[in-house]
Every structure is written in structure tokens, then in C-alpha cells.
Amino acid sequence: MHSEFLYIDEVKDKGRAVFAGKKIRAGTVIETSPVIVMSGEERSLLDQTLLHDYIFVWGENKDQCCMALGYVAVYNHSYRSNCEYFMNYKERTIEVKTIRDIRAGEELTINYNGDWNNPEKVWFDVRE
């Protein structure tokens, strides 16, 4: 479930994005999203579709993938994101939490590498 003060809007050259409808304090959990877990074999099929851009690597052994419900799949990437996400394999959820104070109207971002400030290039920057 996502917070009622989040909303989706368009960003030029990025598509849809998640925004804060009001000021949010650092350390606030803004979303807990259930996920649909899929096998490695299913991931190889998903990798051939548009859904490739919206799935997360999943599992202790990173041998599965998941599709997050809610807004999680709509957060854009930033190498210095203002939110971070946590995977709970037992509960099959992804939790998104702010890492600093957020202004009303600010886009909320996550680092697709998992750690909010991980500078390693993500898949779409590597292939350019």
C-alpha cells in the first residue's frame, strides 16, 4: 500500500514518475508493495518483453525475479536517489523509505542498484 500523498505524473524524457504531494520527513516509509515472484525461467521470457524494464531481481540467491504491485515499478532511477527500497523475501514485499526530507512536488527516486548512492552503472546506461 502506498501513502495517500503520492501521485503519478509525467516527466519529459523519462515517462511516468512518482511525486510527493506534501512534504515528507526523512525515514518515512512511503510504500509497502506486495510482489509477484517468478522463476529464473519466467524471467528469461519476461526479458523479451517490455516488462523487462519493470521487474526486480529477487531471492536470497538472486535466481528469481518479481513484479512489484503499487507504485514501486514507476519510481525512476537516480544514482543519488532520495528514497531507498528494501526487499522482504519472507513477506514477499518491497518497502520504499525516504532517506532525506522531501519537498512537496518533488520526484521520488530509487537507485536501481539497491543502495541509494551506488554509482555502478545500471543496465540501461551500460548499453548506451
Protein backbone atom coordinates (compact mmCIF):
# COMPACT_ATOMS: atom_id res chain seq x y z
CA MET A 1 0.00 0.00 0.00
CA HIS A 2 1.35 3.42 -0.90
CA SER A 3 0.85 6.65 1.02
CA GLU A 4 -2.15 8.73 0.02
CA PHE A 5 0.08 11.75 -0.58
CA LEU A 6 1.96 10.17 -3.50
CA TYR A 7 0.91 10.78 -7.09
CA ILE A 8 1.98 9.84 -10.60
CA ASP A 9 2.82 12.43 -13.25
CA GLU A 10 4.78 12.64 -16.50
CA VAL A 11 8.42 13.77 -16.70
CA LYS A 12 9.88 14.90 -20.02
CA ASP A 13 12.25 12.27 -21.44
CA LYS A 14 11.54 9.88 -18.55
CA GLY A 15 7.86 8.98 -18.77
CA ARG A 16 5.81 8.41 -15.67
CA ALA A 17 7.21 9.14 -12.23
CA VAL A 18 6.19 9.17 -8.57
CA PHE A 19 5.91 12.53 -6.77
CA ALA A 20 5.31 13.74 -3.22
CA GLY A 21 2.02 15.55 -2.75
CA LYS A 22 3.28 17.07 0.50
CA LYS A 23 6.49 17.45 2.50
CA ILE A 24 7.77 14.08 3.76
CA ARG A 25 10.30 13.62 6.55
CA ALA A 26 13.46 11.55 6.17
CA GLY A 27 12.99 7.94 7.27
CA THR A 28 9.31 7.75 6.32
CA VAL A 29 8.05 4.50 4.81
CA ILE A 30 6.01 5.74 1.85
CA GLU A 31 5.08 2.40 0.33
CA THR A 32 4.95 -1.29 1.12
CA SER A 33 4.20 -3.17 -2.05
CA PRO A 34 3.35 -6.85 -2.42
CA VAL A 35 5.25 -8.60 -5.20
CA ILE A 36 4.58 -11.44 -7.60
CA VAL A 37 7.60 -13.76 -7.53
CA MET A 38 8.64 -15.58 -10.70
CA SER A 39 11.28 -18.16 -11.52
CA GLY A 40 14.50 -17.65 -13.44
CA GLU A 41 12.91 -19.41 -16.41
CA GLU A 42 10.00 -16.98 -16.36
CA ARG A 43 12.45 -14.09 -16.14
CA SER A 44 14.12 -15.17 -19.38
CA LEU A 45 10.71 -14.87 -21.05
CA LEU A 46 9.98 -11.50 -19.39
CA ASP A 47 13.36 -10.21 -20.57
CA GLN A 48 12.00 -10.45 -24.11
CA THR A 49 9.14 -8.07 -23.33
CA LEU A 50 8.57 -4.52 -22.14
CA LEU A 51 8.13 -5.93 -18.61
CA HIS A 52 11.92 -6.40 -18.50
CA ASP A 53 12.15 -2.71 -17.56
CA TYR A 54 9.84 -3.16 -14.56
CA ILE A 55 10.97 -6.33 -12.80
CA PHE A 56 13.41 -6.70 -9.92
CA VAL A 57 15.96 -9.43 -9.28
CA TRP A 58 14.61 -11.44 -6.33
CA GLY A 59 15.58 -14.06 -3.79
CA GLU A 60 18.46 -14.78 -1.43
CA ASN A 61 20.32 -16.37 -4.37
CA LYS A 62 19.17 -13.72 -6.88
CA ASP A 63 17.82 -16.55 -9.04
CA GLN A 64 14.26 -15.26 -9.32
CA CYS A 65 12.55 -12.04 -10.28
CA CYS A 66 9.50 -10.20 -9.08
CA MET A 67 6.95 -7.72 -10.32
CA ALA A 68 6.05 -5.18 -7.67
CA LEU A 69 2.47 -4.04 -7.41
CA GLY A 70 1.59 -0.49 -6.41
CA TYR A 71 3.86 2.38 -7.47
CA VAL A 72 7.21 0.62 -6.99
CA ALA A 73 7.71 -0.10 -10.69
CA VAL A 74 7.12 3.58 -11.55
CA TYR A 75 9.90 5.14 -9.42
CA ASN A 76 12.62 6.45 -11.71
CA HIS A 77 16.31 5.73 -11.18
CA SER A 78 18.85 8.14 -9.72
CA TYR A 79 22.42 7.40 -8.70
CA ARG A 80 21.82 9.68 -5.71
CA SER A 81 18.22 8.84 -5.03
CA ASN A 82 16.06 10.38 -2.31
CA CYS A 83 14.48 7.03 -1.38
CA GLU A 84 15.73 3.51 -0.87
CA TYR A 85 13.97 0.19 -1.10
CA PHE A 86 14.12 -2.97 0.97
CA MET A 87 13.10 -6.46 -0.12
CA ASN A 88 11.41 -8.74 2.36
CA TYR A 89 11.68 -12.20 0.86
CA LYS A 90 9.64 -13.87 3.61
CA GLU A 91 6.69 -11.46 3.35
CA ARG A 92 7.14 -11.02 -0.43
CA THR A 93 7.10 -7.23 -0.25
CA ILE A 94 9.22 -4.26 -1.25
CA GLU A 95 9.27 -1.28 1.12
CA VAL A 96 10.22 2.23 -0.04
CA LYS A 97 11.55 4.72 2.51
CA THR A 98 12.78 8.30 2.20
CA ILE A 99 16.44 8.90 3.04
CA ARG A 100 16.16 12.66 3.41
CA ASP A 101 13.42 15.26 3.76
CA ILE A 102 11.35 15.56 0.58
CA ARG A 103 9.69 18.76 -0.68
CA ALA A 104 6.07 18.81 -1.84
CA GLY A 105 6.04 18.28 -5.61
CA GLU A 106 9.49 16.63 -5.66
CA GLU A 107 10.01 13.50 -7.74
CA LEU A 108 10.77 10.42 -5.65
CA THR A 109 13.58 8.25 -6.98
CA ILE A 110 15.30 4.98 -6.13
CA ASN A 111 18.69 3.65 -7.18
CA TYR A 112 18.06 0.55 -9.27
CA ASN A 113 21.31 -0.92 -7.88
CA GLY A 114 19.64 -1.31 -4.49
CA ASP A 115 21.81 1.06 -2.43
CA TRP A 116 20.61 4.67 -2.64
CA ASN A 117 24.03 6.08 -3.60
CA ASN A 118 25.58 3.17 -5.55
CA PRO A 119 27.38 4.72 -8.57
CA GLU A 120 27.66 1.46 -10.56
CA LYS A 121 26.08 1.91 -13.99
CA VAL A 122 22.67 0.29 -14.34
CA TRP A 123 21.70 -1.84 -17.34
CA PHE A 124 20.27 0.99 -19.47
CA ASP A 125 23.36 3.17 -19.02
CA VAL A 126 25.69 0.28 -19.85
CA ARG A 127 24.00 -0.47 -23.18
CA GLU A 128 24.09 3.14 -24.46
